[in-house]
N, C-alpha and C. Protein backbone atom coordinates (compact mmCIF):
# COMPACT_ATOMS: atom_id res chain seq x y z
N MET A 1 107.88 101.00 63.03
CA MET A 1 108.96 101.21 64.01
C MET A 1 109.42 99.85 64.53
N SER A 2 110.73 99.65 64.59
CA SER A 2 111.27 98.38 65.03
C SER A 2 111.08 98.20 66.53
N GLU A 3 111.18 96.93 66.97
CA GLU A 3 111.02 96.63 68.40
C GLU A 3 112.12 97.28 69.22
N ARG A 4 113.32 97.39 68.64
CA ARG A 4 114.44 98.01 69.37
C ARG A 4 114.17 99.48 69.64
N LYS A 5 113.61 100.18 68.64
CA LYS A 5 113.29 101.59 68.83
C LYS A 5 112.16 101.77 69.84
N LYS A 6 111.17 100.88 69.80
CA LYS A 6 110.08 100.96 70.77
C LYS A 6 110.60 100.77 72.19
N ALA A 7 111.49 99.79 72.36
CA ALA A 7 112.06 99.54 73.69
C ALA A 7 112.87 100.74 74.17
N LEU A 8 113.61 101.36 73.25
CA LEU A 8 114.41 102.54 73.61
C LEU A 8 113.52 103.70 74.03
N LEU A 9 112.42 103.92 73.31
CA LEU A 9 111.50 104.99 73.66
C LEU A 9 110.85 104.74 75.03
N LYS A 10 110.49 103.50 75.31
CA LYS A 10 109.91 103.17 76.61
C LYS A 10 110.92 103.42 77.72
N TYR A 11 112.17 103.04 77.47
CA TYR A 11 113.22 103.24 78.48
C TYR A 11 113.44 104.73 78.73
N LEU A 12 113.49 105.52 77.67
CA LEU A 12 113.66 106.96 77.82
C LEU A 12 112.46 107.59 78.53
N GLY A 13 111.26 107.11 78.22
CA GLY A 13 110.07 107.61 78.89
C GLY A 13 110.08 107.31 80.37
N LEU A 14 110.55 106.10 80.74
CA LEU A 14 110.66 105.74 82.15
C LEU A 14 111.66 106.62 82.87
N LEU A 15 112.81 106.87 82.24
CA LEU A 15 113.81 107.75 82.85
C LEU A 15 113.26 109.17 83.03
N ALA A 16 112.50 109.64 82.04
CA ALA A 16 111.92 110.98 82.13
C ALA A 16 110.92 111.06 83.28
N CYS A 17 110.13 110.01 83.45
CA CYS A 17 109.15 110.00 84.56
C CYS A 17 109.86 109.99 85.90
N LEU A 18 110.93 109.19 86.03
CA LEU A 18 111.68 109.14 87.29
C LEU A 18 112.34 110.49 87.58
N TRP A 19 112.88 111.11 86.55
CA TRP A 19 113.51 112.43 86.72
C TRP A 19 112.48 113.46 87.17
N LEU A 20 111.30 113.42 86.56
CA LEU A 20 110.24 114.37 86.92
C LEU A 20 109.75 114.12 88.34
N ALA A 21 109.57 112.86 88.72
CA ALA A 21 109.08 112.53 90.05
C ALA A 21 110.06 112.97 91.13
N ALA A 22 111.36 112.88 90.84
CA ALA A 22 112.38 113.26 91.83
C ALA A 22 112.41 114.76 92.09
N ARG A 23 111.88 115.55 91.18
CA ARG A 23 111.94 117.01 91.32
C ARG A 23 110.60 117.63 91.68
N LEU A 24 109.60 116.81 91.87
CA LEU A 24 108.29 117.34 92.26
C LEU A 24 108.20 117.46 93.77
N SER A 25 107.44 118.43 94.24
CA SER A 25 107.15 118.53 95.67
C SER A 25 106.20 117.41 96.06
N PRO A 26 106.13 117.06 97.36
CA PRO A 26 105.22 116.00 97.78
C PRO A 26 103.77 116.25 97.36
N GLU A 27 103.33 117.51 97.42
CA GLU A 27 101.95 117.82 97.04
C GLU A 27 101.73 117.57 95.56
N HIS A 28 102.66 118.04 94.73
CA HIS A 28 102.53 117.84 93.28
C HIS A 28 102.66 116.36 92.91
N PHE A 29 103.53 115.65 93.64
CA PHE A 29 103.69 114.22 93.37
C PHE A 29 102.40 113.46 93.68
N THR A 30 101.73 113.85 94.78
CA THR A 30 100.46 113.22 95.13
C THR A 30 99.41 113.46 94.05
N VAL A 31 99.35 114.72 93.57
CA VAL A 31 98.41 115.04 92.49
C VAL A 31 98.72 114.23 91.24
N LEU A 32 100.01 114.10 90.93
CA LEU A 32 100.41 113.33 89.76
C LEU A 32 100.01 111.87 89.89
N MET A 33 100.19 111.30 91.09
CA MET A 33 99.82 109.90 91.30
C MET A 33 98.31 109.71 91.16
N TYR A 34 97.53 110.65 91.71
CA TYR A 34 96.08 110.57 91.54
C TYR A 34 95.70 110.62 90.06
N ALA A 35 96.39 111.48 89.31
CA ALA A 35 96.10 111.59 87.88
C ALA A 35 96.44 110.29 87.15
N VAL A 36 97.57 109.68 87.51
CA VAL A 36 97.97 108.42 86.88
C VAL A 36 96.96 107.32 87.19
N VAL A 37 96.55 107.24 88.47
CA VAL A 37 95.57 106.22 88.86
C VAL A 37 94.24 106.44 88.13
N THR A 38 93.82 107.70 88.04
CA THR A 38 92.56 108.01 87.36
C THR A 38 92.61 107.62 85.89
N LEU A 39 93.71 107.96 85.22
CA LEU A 39 93.86 107.62 83.81
C LEU A 39 93.93 106.11 83.61
N THR A 40 94.62 105.42 84.54
CA THR A 40 94.70 103.96 84.45
C THR A 40 93.32 103.33 84.59
N CYS A 41 92.56 103.78 85.57
CA CYS A 41 91.20 103.26 85.77
C CYS A 41 90.31 103.56 84.57
N PHE A 42 90.46 104.76 84.01
CA PHE A 42 89.65 105.12 82.84
C PHE A 42 89.99 104.21 81.66
N ALA A 43 91.29 103.97 81.45
CA ALA A 43 91.69 103.07 80.37
C ALA A 43 91.18 101.66 80.62
N GLY A 44 91.20 101.23 81.90
CA GLY A 44 90.66 99.91 82.23
C GLY A 44 89.17 99.82 81.97
N ILE A 45 88.43 100.88 82.28
CA ILE A 45 86.99 100.90 82.03
C ILE A 45 86.71 100.84 80.53
N VAL A 46 87.48 101.58 79.75
CA VAL A 46 87.31 101.55 78.29
C VAL A 46 87.53 100.14 77.76
N TYR A 47 88.59 99.47 78.24
CA TYR A 47 88.85 98.09 77.82
C TYR A 47 87.71 97.18 78.25
N GLY A 48 87.24 97.35 79.50
CA GLY A 48 86.17 96.50 80.00
C GLY A 48 84.88 96.64 79.21
N VAL A 49 84.53 97.87 78.85
CA VAL A 49 83.31 98.09 78.06
C VAL A 49 83.46 97.50 76.66
N ALA A 50 84.64 97.70 76.07
CA ALA A 50 84.85 97.20 74.71
C ALA A 50 84.92 95.68 74.64
N ASN A 51 85.27 95.03 75.76
CA ASN A 51 85.44 93.57 75.78
C ASN A 51 84.51 92.92 76.80
N ARG A 52 83.32 93.48 77.00
CA ARG A 52 82.42 92.97 78.03
C ARG A 52 82.02 91.51 77.78
N LYS A 53 81.79 91.13 76.53
CA LYS A 53 81.42 89.74 76.24
C LYS A 53 82.57 88.80 76.56
N ARG A 54 83.76 89.22 76.23
CA ARG A 54 84.95 88.41 76.51
C ARG A 54 85.15 88.26 78.02
N ILE A 55 84.93 89.34 78.76
CA ILE A 55 85.10 89.30 80.22
C ILE A 55 84.05 88.41 80.86
N LEU A 56 82.80 88.48 80.38
CA LEU A 56 81.75 87.62 80.92
C LEU A 56 82.07 86.15 80.66
N THR A 57 82.62 85.86 79.50
CA THR A 57 83.03 84.49 79.21
C THR A 57 84.12 84.03 80.16
N PHE A 58 85.08 84.92 80.43
CA PHE A 58 86.16 84.59 81.36
C PHE A 58 85.61 84.34 82.77
N ILE A 59 84.66 85.20 83.21
CA ILE A 59 84.08 85.05 84.54
C ILE A 59 83.34 83.73 84.67
N ASN A 60 82.65 83.33 83.60
CA ASN A 60 81.91 82.07 83.63
C ASN A 60 82.83 80.87 83.81
N HIS A 61 84.09 81.01 83.43
CA HIS A 61 85.05 79.92 83.57
C HIS A 61 86.01 80.14 84.75
N TRP A 62 85.68 81.12 85.62
CA TRP A 62 86.54 81.39 86.78
C TRP A 62 85.75 81.22 88.06
N PRO A 63 86.24 80.51 89.08
CA PRO A 63 87.45 79.70 89.01
C PRO A 63 87.20 78.42 88.22
N THR A 64 88.26 77.74 87.84
CA THR A 64 88.13 76.58 86.99
C THR A 64 87.64 75.35 87.74
N SER A 65 87.57 75.39 89.05
CA SER A 65 87.13 74.22 89.80
C SER A 65 86.41 74.65 91.07
N PHE A 66 85.51 73.77 91.53
CA PHE A 66 84.80 74.01 92.79
C PHE A 66 85.78 74.02 93.95
N PHE A 67 86.83 73.23 93.86
CA PHE A 67 87.84 73.16 94.92
C PHE A 67 88.48 74.52 95.16
N CYS A 68 88.75 75.25 94.07
CA CYS A 68 89.36 76.58 94.20
C CYS A 68 88.45 77.52 94.97
N SER A 69 87.13 77.48 94.67
CA SER A 69 86.18 78.34 95.37
C SER A 69 86.13 78.01 96.85
N VAL A 70 86.13 76.73 97.18
CA VAL A 70 86.08 76.31 98.58
C VAL A 70 87.32 76.77 99.33
N VAL A 71 88.48 76.65 98.72
CA VAL A 71 89.73 77.05 99.37
C VAL A 71 89.74 78.56 99.64
N ILE A 72 89.32 79.35 98.64
CA ILE A 72 89.29 80.81 98.81
C ILE A 72 88.34 81.20 99.93
N PHE A 73 87.13 80.60 99.94
CA PHE A 73 86.16 80.95 100.98
C PHE A 73 86.66 80.50 102.36
N PHE A 74 87.27 79.32 102.44
CA PHE A 74 87.77 78.83 103.73
C PHE A 74 88.84 79.76 104.29
N ILE A 75 89.76 80.18 103.43
CA ILE A 75 90.82 81.10 103.88
C ILE A 75 90.22 82.43 104.33
N CYS A 76 89.25 82.94 103.56
CA CYS A 76 88.64 84.23 103.90
C CYS A 76 87.80 84.14 105.17
N LYS A 77 87.14 83.00 105.39
CA LYS A 77 86.36 82.85 106.62
C LYS A 77 87.27 82.83 107.84
N LEU A 78 88.38 82.12 107.75
CA LEU A 78 89.35 82.12 108.85
C LEU A 78 89.89 83.52 109.10
N SER A 79 90.17 84.24 108.03
CA SER A 79 90.66 85.61 108.17
C SER A 79 89.61 86.50 108.82
N ALA A 80 88.33 86.31 108.46
CA ALA A 80 87.26 87.10 109.05
C ALA A 80 87.13 86.81 110.55
N GLU A 81 87.23 85.54 110.94
CA GLU A 81 87.18 85.18 112.36
C GLU A 81 88.30 85.86 113.14
N LYS A 82 89.49 85.85 112.57
CA LYS A 82 90.63 86.46 113.25
C LYS A 82 90.50 87.98 113.32
N GLN A 83 89.94 88.59 112.27
CA GLN A 83 89.73 90.04 112.29
C GLN A 83 88.73 90.44 113.37
N ILE A 84 87.62 89.70 113.46
CA ILE A 84 86.61 90.00 114.47
C ILE A 84 87.18 89.81 115.87
N ASN A 85 87.91 88.72 116.06
CA ASN A 85 88.49 88.45 117.37
C ASN A 85 89.53 89.49 117.75
N ALA A 86 90.37 89.89 116.80
CA ALA A 86 91.42 90.87 117.09
C ALA A 86 90.84 92.25 117.37
N GLN A 87 89.77 92.63 116.66
CA GLN A 87 89.23 93.97 116.81
C GLN A 87 88.23 94.09 117.95
N LEU A 88 87.41 93.05 118.15
CA LEU A 88 86.34 93.14 119.15
C LEU A 88 86.50 92.15 120.30
N GLY A 89 87.43 91.20 120.18
CA GLY A 89 87.65 90.25 121.25
C GLY A 89 86.58 89.18 121.38
N ILE A 90 85.74 89.00 120.36
CA ILE A 90 84.66 88.01 120.42
C ILE A 90 85.24 86.64 120.08
N GLU A 91 84.92 85.64 120.91
CA GLU A 91 85.41 84.30 120.67
C GLU A 91 84.71 83.69 119.45
N ALA A 92 85.43 82.79 118.77
CA ALA A 92 84.97 82.27 117.48
C ALA A 92 83.63 81.55 117.57
N GLU A 93 83.33 80.88 118.68
CA GLU A 93 82.09 80.11 118.77
C GLU A 93 80.85 80.98 118.79
N TYR A 94 80.99 82.29 118.98
CA TYR A 94 79.83 83.19 119.04
C TYR A 94 79.65 84.02 117.76
N ILE A 95 80.46 83.75 116.75
CA ILE A 95 80.38 84.56 115.52
C ILE A 95 80.35 83.67 114.28
N ARG A 96 79.58 82.60 114.33
CA ARG A 96 79.54 81.67 113.20
C ARG A 96 79.03 82.36 111.94
N GLN A 97 77.89 83.04 112.04
CA GLN A 97 77.31 83.69 110.86
C GLN A 97 78.12 84.91 110.44
N SER A 98 78.61 85.66 111.41
CA SER A 98 79.41 86.85 111.09
C SER A 98 80.66 86.48 110.30
N ALA A 99 81.31 85.39 110.71
CA ALA A 99 82.52 84.95 110.02
C ALA A 99 82.20 84.52 108.59
N SER A 100 81.04 83.89 108.39
CA SER A 100 80.66 83.46 107.04
C SER A 100 80.40 84.67 106.14
N VAL A 101 79.67 85.67 106.68
CA VAL A 101 79.41 86.88 105.90
C VAL A 101 80.72 87.59 105.58
N GLY A 102 81.59 87.73 106.58
CA GLY A 102 82.88 88.35 106.34
C GLY A 102 83.72 87.57 105.34
N GLY A 103 83.62 86.23 105.40
CA GLY A 103 84.36 85.40 104.44
C GLY A 103 83.92 85.65 103.01
N VAL A 104 82.61 85.77 102.81
CA VAL A 104 82.10 86.05 101.46
C VAL A 104 82.57 87.42 100.98
N LEU A 105 82.47 88.43 101.86
CA LEU A 105 82.85 89.79 101.48
C LEU A 105 84.36 89.92 101.23
N LEU A 106 85.15 89.09 101.90
CA LEU A 106 86.59 89.10 101.64
C LEU A 106 86.95 88.28 100.40
N ALA A 107 86.15 87.24 100.13
CA ALA A 107 86.44 86.38 98.98
C ALA A 107 86.28 87.11 97.66
N ILE A 108 85.34 88.07 97.62
CA ILE A 108 85.10 88.80 96.36
C ILE A 108 86.34 89.61 95.94
N PRO A 109 86.88 90.50 96.80
CA PRO A 109 88.09 91.23 96.37
C PRO A 109 89.30 90.34 96.21
N LEU A 110 89.38 89.25 97.01
CA LEU A 110 90.52 88.34 96.85
C LEU A 110 90.47 87.66 95.48
N SER A 111 89.27 87.25 95.06
CA SER A 111 89.13 86.65 93.73
C SER A 111 89.47 87.66 92.64
N LEU A 112 89.02 88.91 92.82
CA LEU A 112 89.37 89.96 91.85
C LEU A 112 90.87 90.18 91.79
N MET A 113 91.53 90.13 92.94
CA MET A 113 92.98 90.31 92.97
C MET A 113 93.68 89.19 92.22
N LEU A 114 93.22 87.96 92.40
CA LEU A 114 93.81 86.83 91.68
C LEU A 114 93.58 86.96 90.18
N ILE A 115 92.38 87.44 89.80
CA ILE A 115 92.09 87.65 88.38
C ILE A 115 93.00 88.72 87.80
N GLY A 116 93.19 89.82 88.55
CA GLY A 116 94.07 90.88 88.10
C GLY A 116 95.50 90.39 87.91
N LEU A 117 95.99 89.59 88.87
CA LEU A 117 97.34 89.03 88.75
C LEU A 117 97.43 88.10 87.55
N TYR A 118 96.38 87.29 87.36
CA TYR A 118 96.37 86.36 86.23
C TYR A 118 96.44 87.12 84.90
N LEU A 119 95.65 88.19 84.79
CA LEU A 119 95.65 88.98 83.56
C LEU A 119 97.00 89.66 83.32
N LEU A 120 97.62 90.17 84.39
CA LEU A 120 98.94 90.79 84.24
C LEU A 120 99.98 89.78 83.78
N ILE A 121 99.96 88.60 84.40
CA ILE A 121 100.96 87.58 84.07
C ILE A 121 100.78 87.10 82.63
N THR A 122 99.52 86.82 82.24
CA THR A 122 99.28 86.34 80.88
C THR A 122 99.59 87.42 79.84
N SER A 123 99.31 88.68 80.19
CA SER A 123 99.63 89.76 79.26
C SER A 123 101.14 89.86 79.05
N ALA A 124 101.90 89.77 80.16
CA ALA A 124 103.35 89.82 80.05
C ALA A 124 103.89 88.61 79.27
N TYR A 125 103.29 87.45 79.51
CA TYR A 125 103.74 86.23 78.81
C TYR A 125 103.51 86.36 77.31
N ARG A 126 102.32 86.82 76.94
CA ARG A 126 102.01 86.97 75.51
C ARG A 126 102.90 88.01 74.84
N LYS A 127 103.24 89.04 75.59
CA LYS A 127 104.07 90.11 75.01
C LYS A 127 105.50 89.66 74.80
N VAL A 128 106.02 88.86 75.75
CA VAL A 128 107.42 88.46 75.70
C VAL A 128 107.62 87.20 74.86
N VAL A 129 106.72 86.21 75.03
CA VAL A 129 106.94 84.90 74.42
C VAL A 129 106.22 84.74 73.10
N GLN A 130 104.96 85.17 73.04
CA GLN A 130 104.15 84.95 71.86
C GLN A 130 103.82 86.26 71.18
N PRO A 131 103.75 86.28 69.87
CA PRO A 131 103.22 87.45 69.18
C PRO A 131 101.75 87.63 69.51
N VAL A 132 101.32 88.88 69.65
CA VAL A 132 99.94 89.14 70.02
C VAL A 132 98.98 88.56 69.00
N SER A 133 99.37 88.58 67.73
CA SER A 133 98.47 88.08 66.69
C SER A 133 98.24 86.60 66.78
N ARG A 134 99.14 85.86 67.47
CA ARG A 134 98.99 84.42 67.57
C ARG A 134 98.37 83.99 68.88
N ALA A 135 98.10 84.96 69.79
CA ALA A 135 97.50 84.61 71.07
C ALA A 135 96.10 84.08 70.85
N LYS A 136 95.75 82.98 71.51
CA LYS A 136 94.46 82.34 71.33
C LYS A 136 93.69 82.35 72.64
N PRO A 137 92.68 83.19 72.80
CA PRO A 137 91.89 83.22 74.02
C PRO A 137 91.02 81.99 74.14
N ALA A 138 90.54 81.76 75.36
CA ALA A 138 89.70 80.59 75.61
C ALA A 138 88.39 80.70 74.86
N PRO A 139 87.89 79.60 74.28
CA PRO A 139 86.64 79.64 73.53
C PRO A 139 85.45 79.76 74.46
N THR A 140 84.34 80.24 73.92
CA THR A 140 83.11 80.34 74.69
C THR A 140 82.44 78.99 74.75
N GLU A 141 81.29 78.93 75.45
CA GLU A 141 80.55 77.68 75.57
C GLU A 141 80.05 77.22 74.20
N GLN A 142 79.83 78.16 73.25
CA GLN A 142 79.37 77.81 71.93
C GLN A 142 80.53 77.46 71.00
N GLY A 143 81.78 77.46 71.54
CA GLY A 143 82.92 77.13 70.73
C GLY A 143 83.48 78.30 69.95
N GLN A 144 82.97 79.49 70.16
CA GLN A 144 83.45 80.66 69.46
C GLN A 144 84.32 81.50 70.40
N THR A 145 85.24 82.21 69.82
CA THR A 145 86.14 83.07 70.59
C THR A 145 85.77 84.53 70.41
N PRO A 146 85.36 85.21 71.48
CA PRO A 146 85.05 86.64 71.33
C PRO A 146 86.30 87.41 70.95
N PRO A 147 86.25 88.25 69.94
CA PRO A 147 87.43 89.02 69.55
C PRO A 147 87.82 90.02 70.64
N GLU A 148 89.12 90.20 70.80
CA GLU A 148 89.62 91.16 71.80
C GLU A 148 89.84 92.51 71.15
N SER A 149 89.20 93.52 71.71
CA SER A 149 89.36 94.88 71.21
C SER A 149 90.32 95.65 72.12
N LEU A 150 91.05 96.57 71.54
CA LEU A 150 91.97 97.43 72.30
C LEU A 150 92.90 96.61 73.19
N ALA A 151 93.56 95.63 72.59
CA ALA A 151 94.41 94.72 73.36
C ALA A 151 95.51 95.46 74.12
N GLN A 152 95.94 96.61 73.62
CA GLN A 152 97.00 97.36 74.28
C GLN A 152 96.56 97.92 75.63
N LEU A 153 95.24 97.97 75.87
CA LEU A 153 94.73 98.48 77.15
C LEU A 153 94.50 97.37 78.18
N ARG A 154 94.77 96.13 77.80
CA ARG A 154 94.53 95.02 78.73
C ARG A 154 95.32 95.16 80.03
N PRO A 155 96.62 95.53 80.00
CA PRO A 155 97.34 95.71 81.27
C PRO A 155 96.71 96.77 82.17
N PHE A 156 96.16 97.82 81.59
CA PHE A 156 95.51 98.86 82.40
C PHE A 156 94.26 98.31 83.08
N PHE A 157 93.52 97.45 82.37
CA PHE A 157 92.35 96.82 82.97
C PHE A 157 92.76 95.92 84.13
N ALA A 158 93.84 95.15 83.94
CA ALA A 158 94.33 94.27 85.00
C ALA A 158 94.78 95.08 86.21
N ILE A 159 95.49 96.19 85.98
CA ILE A 159 95.95 97.03 87.09
C ILE A 159 94.77 97.66 87.81
N ALA A 160 93.74 98.09 87.06
CA ALA A 160 92.56 98.68 87.68
C ALA A 160 91.84 97.66 88.56
N VAL A 161 91.71 96.42 88.08
CA VAL A 161 91.07 95.36 88.88
C VAL A 161 91.90 95.07 90.12
N LEU A 162 93.21 94.99 89.95
CA LEU A 162 94.10 94.67 91.07
C LEU A 162 94.07 95.75 92.15
N THR A 163 94.18 97.00 91.74
CA THR A 163 94.18 98.09 92.72
C THR A 163 92.82 98.23 93.41
N SER A 164 91.74 98.01 92.68
CA SER A 164 90.41 98.07 93.29
C SER A 164 90.24 96.99 94.35
N SER A 165 90.70 95.78 94.05
CA SER A 165 90.58 94.69 95.02
C SER A 165 91.45 94.95 96.25
N LEU A 166 92.66 95.48 96.04
CA LEU A 166 93.52 95.79 97.18
C LEU A 166 92.90 96.87 98.06
N PHE A 167 92.27 97.87 97.44
CA PHE A 167 91.61 98.92 98.21
C PHE A 167 90.47 98.34 99.05
N LEU A 168 89.67 97.45 98.46
CA LEU A 168 88.56 96.84 99.20
C LEU A 168 89.08 96.00 100.36
N LEU A 169 90.17 95.28 100.15
CA LEU A 169 90.73 94.47 101.24
C LEU A 169 91.26 95.34 102.37
N THR A 170 91.86 96.47 102.05
CA THR A 170 92.38 97.35 103.10
C THR A 170 91.26 98.02 103.90
N GLN A 171 90.06 98.07 103.34
CA GLN A 171 88.93 98.69 104.03
C GLN A 171 88.11 97.70 104.85
N SER A 172 88.53 96.44 104.87
CA SER A 172 87.73 95.41 105.55
C SER A 172 87.61 95.65 107.05
N ASP A 173 88.65 96.23 107.67
CA ASP A 173 88.60 96.48 109.11
C ASP A 173 87.48 97.44 109.48
N ASN A 174 87.14 98.35 108.58
CA ASN A 174 86.08 99.32 108.87
C ASN A 174 84.68 98.71 108.83
N SER A 175 84.56 97.52 108.28
CA SER A 175 83.23 96.89 108.16
C SER A 175 83.01 95.75 109.13
N VAL A 176 83.99 95.47 109.99
CA VAL A 176 83.89 94.32 110.90
C VAL A 176 82.65 94.42 111.79
N ARG A 177 82.38 95.58 112.36
CA ARG A 177 81.24 95.72 113.28
C ARG A 177 79.92 95.50 112.55
N TYR A 178 79.88 95.72 111.24
CA TYR A 178 78.66 95.44 110.48
C TYR A 178 78.48 93.94 110.26
N TRP A 179 79.58 93.21 110.17
CA TRP A 179 79.47 91.76 110.07
C TRP A 179 78.79 91.18 111.30
N VAL A 180 79.13 91.76 112.47
CA VAL A 180 78.61 91.23 113.74
C VAL A 180 77.10 91.40 113.84
N LEU A 181 76.51 92.32 113.09
CA LEU A 181 75.06 92.50 113.11
C LEU A 181 74.32 91.21 112.79
N VAL A 182 74.95 90.35 111.98
CA VAL A 182 74.29 89.10 111.58
C VAL A 182 74.05 88.19 112.77
N ASP A 183 74.95 88.22 113.76
CA ASP A 183 74.81 87.36 114.94
C ASP A 183 74.11 88.05 116.11
N ALA A 184 73.73 89.30 115.96
CA ALA A 184 73.05 90.01 117.05
C ALA A 184 71.61 89.51 117.19
N MET A 185 71.23 89.13 118.41
CA MET A 185 69.90 88.58 118.69
C MET A 185 69.18 89.44 119.72
N LEU A 186 67.88 89.63 119.50
CA LEU A 186 67.07 90.40 120.44
C LEU A 186 66.88 89.63 121.73
N TYR A 187 66.62 88.33 121.62
CA TYR A 187 66.44 87.48 122.80
C TYR A 187 67.71 86.67 123.02
N SER A 188 68.36 86.92 124.14
CA SER A 188 69.65 86.30 124.43
C SER A 188 69.82 86.18 125.94
N ASP A 189 70.75 85.31 126.35
CA ASP A 189 71.04 85.18 127.78
C ASP A 189 71.90 86.33 128.28
N CYS A 190 72.22 87.29 127.40
CA CYS A 190 73.01 88.45 127.83
C CYS A 190 72.17 89.46 128.59
N GLY A 191 70.87 89.54 128.29
CA GLY A 191 70.03 90.54 128.93
C GLY A 191 68.62 90.53 128.37
N PRO A 192 67.73 91.36 128.93
CA PRO A 192 66.34 91.42 128.47
C PRO A 192 66.24 92.06 127.09
N PRO A 193 65.22 91.70 126.30
CA PRO A 193 65.06 92.30 124.97
C PRO A 193 64.77 93.79 125.06
N GLU A 194 65.40 94.55 124.19
CA GLU A 194 65.24 95.99 124.19
C GLU A 194 65.54 96.52 122.78
N LYS A 195 64.48 96.76 122.03
CA LYS A 195 64.66 97.25 120.65
C LYS A 195 65.20 98.68 120.68
N PRO A 196 66.05 99.06 119.72
CA PRO A 196 66.57 98.30 118.57
C PRO A 196 67.88 97.59 118.87
N TRP A 197 68.14 97.28 120.13
CA TRP A 197 69.40 96.67 120.51
C TRP A 197 69.32 95.15 120.42
N GLY A 198 70.42 94.56 119.97
CA GLY A 198 70.58 93.12 120.00
C GLY A 198 71.79 92.77 120.84
N TYR A 199 71.99 91.48 121.05
CA TYR A 199 73.09 91.04 121.90
C TYR A 199 73.97 90.05 121.14
N VAL A 200 75.26 90.18 121.37
CA VAL A 200 76.24 89.21 120.89
C VAL A 200 77.15 88.87 122.05
N ARG A 201 77.25 87.59 122.39
CA ARG A 201 78.11 87.22 123.50
C ARG A 201 79.57 87.31 123.08
N LYS A 202 80.36 87.95 123.93
CA LYS A 202 81.79 88.13 123.67
C LYS A 202 82.59 86.94 124.19
N ASN A 203 82.31 86.55 125.42
CA ASN A 203 82.92 85.38 126.04
C ASN A 203 82.02 84.94 127.19
N LEU A 204 82.50 84.08 128.05
CA LEU A 204 81.67 83.58 129.14
C LEU A 204 81.28 84.67 130.13
N ASP A 205 82.05 85.74 130.21
CA ASP A 205 81.83 86.75 131.24
C ASP A 205 81.29 88.08 130.73
N SER A 206 81.18 88.27 129.44
CA SER A 206 80.73 89.57 128.93
C SER A 206 80.03 89.43 127.58
N CYS A 207 79.29 90.50 127.23
CA CYS A 207 78.53 90.55 125.98
C CYS A 207 78.69 91.93 125.34
N TYR A 208 78.17 92.04 124.14
CA TYR A 208 78.05 93.32 123.44
C TYR A 208 76.58 93.64 123.22
N ARG A 209 76.22 94.90 123.49
CA ARG A 209 74.94 95.42 123.03
C ARG A 209 75.18 96.06 121.67
N VAL A 210 74.37 95.67 120.68
CA VAL A 210 74.60 96.10 119.30
C VAL A 210 73.39 96.86 118.80
N ASP A 211 73.63 98.06 118.29
CA ASP A 211 72.57 98.81 117.63
C ASP A 211 72.32 98.17 116.27
N THR A 212 71.19 97.50 116.11
CA THR A 212 70.92 96.72 114.90
C THR A 212 70.39 97.56 113.75
N ARG A 213 70.23 98.86 113.94
CA ARG A 213 69.80 99.71 112.83
C ARG A 213 70.97 99.89 111.87
N LEU A 214 70.75 99.50 110.62
CA LEU A 214 71.83 99.36 109.66
C LEU A 214 72.59 100.66 109.42
N PHE A 215 71.89 101.78 109.36
CA PHE A 215 72.53 103.04 108.99
C PHE A 215 72.78 103.94 110.20
N HIS A 216 73.00 103.33 111.37
CA HIS A 216 73.29 104.09 112.58
C HIS A 216 74.67 103.75 113.15
N GLY A 217 75.55 103.22 112.30
CA GLY A 217 76.94 103.02 112.70
C GLY A 217 77.24 101.72 113.40
N ALA A 218 76.23 100.85 113.61
CA ALA A 218 76.45 99.56 114.27
C ALA A 218 77.22 99.73 115.58
N GLU A 219 76.70 100.57 116.46
CA GLU A 219 77.37 100.84 117.74
C GLU A 219 77.41 99.59 118.61
N LEU A 220 78.57 99.31 119.19
CA LEU A 220 78.76 98.17 120.08
C LEU A 220 79.16 98.67 121.47
N ILE A 221 78.47 98.17 122.50
CA ILE A 221 78.76 98.54 123.88
C ILE A 221 79.01 97.26 124.68
N ALA A 222 80.21 97.12 125.22
CA ALA A 222 80.55 95.94 126.00
C ALA A 222 80.07 96.09 127.44
N PHE A 223 79.59 95.00 128.03
CA PHE A 223 79.18 95.01 129.44
C PHE A 223 79.32 93.60 130.00
N ALA A 224 79.44 93.52 131.33
CA ALA A 224 79.61 92.23 132.00
C ALA A 224 78.30 91.48 132.04
N SER A 225 78.34 90.20 131.68
CA SER A 225 77.15 89.35 131.72
C SER A 225 77.61 87.90 131.73
N ARG A 226 77.55 87.30 132.91
CA ARG A 226 77.99 85.92 133.07
C ARG A 226 77.03 84.96 132.37
N LYS A 227 77.57 84.03 131.58
CA LYS A 227 76.73 83.07 130.89
C LYS A 227 76.15 82.08 131.88
N PRO A 228 74.83 81.85 131.85
CA PRO A 228 74.21 80.92 132.80
C PRO A 228 74.79 79.52 132.67
N GLY A 229 74.89 78.86 133.80
CA GLY A 229 75.38 77.49 133.82
C GLY A 229 76.89 77.40 133.85
């Protein structure tokens, strides 16, 4: 089949999907979207399993520099500090460890998102500019290139990685109070020790009592407590 016929079929398929989506009820459209996402993720998993050696090689070379890792972590740590401050009102000087933990947990999905974007861009570039048969993947440490299987599923793998990372980033607000557990101390100038509660100072005039039991919801209770001195 010629490239012109393939492009025409894709265009007609897109028009058919748009026509169908415009005539579906909201409930049916939601079900259809869930089905599309599920099939996309399944195709991405199939590609990932078939190309696991190739993916591991790519991960070993990502990011390409230590500077890139530092920049991503620095940005994510600042974002974590701002999230904690916006949600709980804790000043930055009292959440050093919490911000670091949050930075690491944010850096993972952010890195995945960048990888997903990279894979989408390179896939589009190879499809438009270079013939697939001439595409040359990066060599391994031994100088060998792992063969790519099911290359047509690569965009689905990239979309699955991208959507998963975006979902994890959108859920970060729900985990903020768990980050604060890292800075919760039993012995503090906020009050007397009382297990299983720890203390995190909010500012000069108040503190949080934190339930340090991991699977009990990380309950936080604010109360007035002037910092000595």
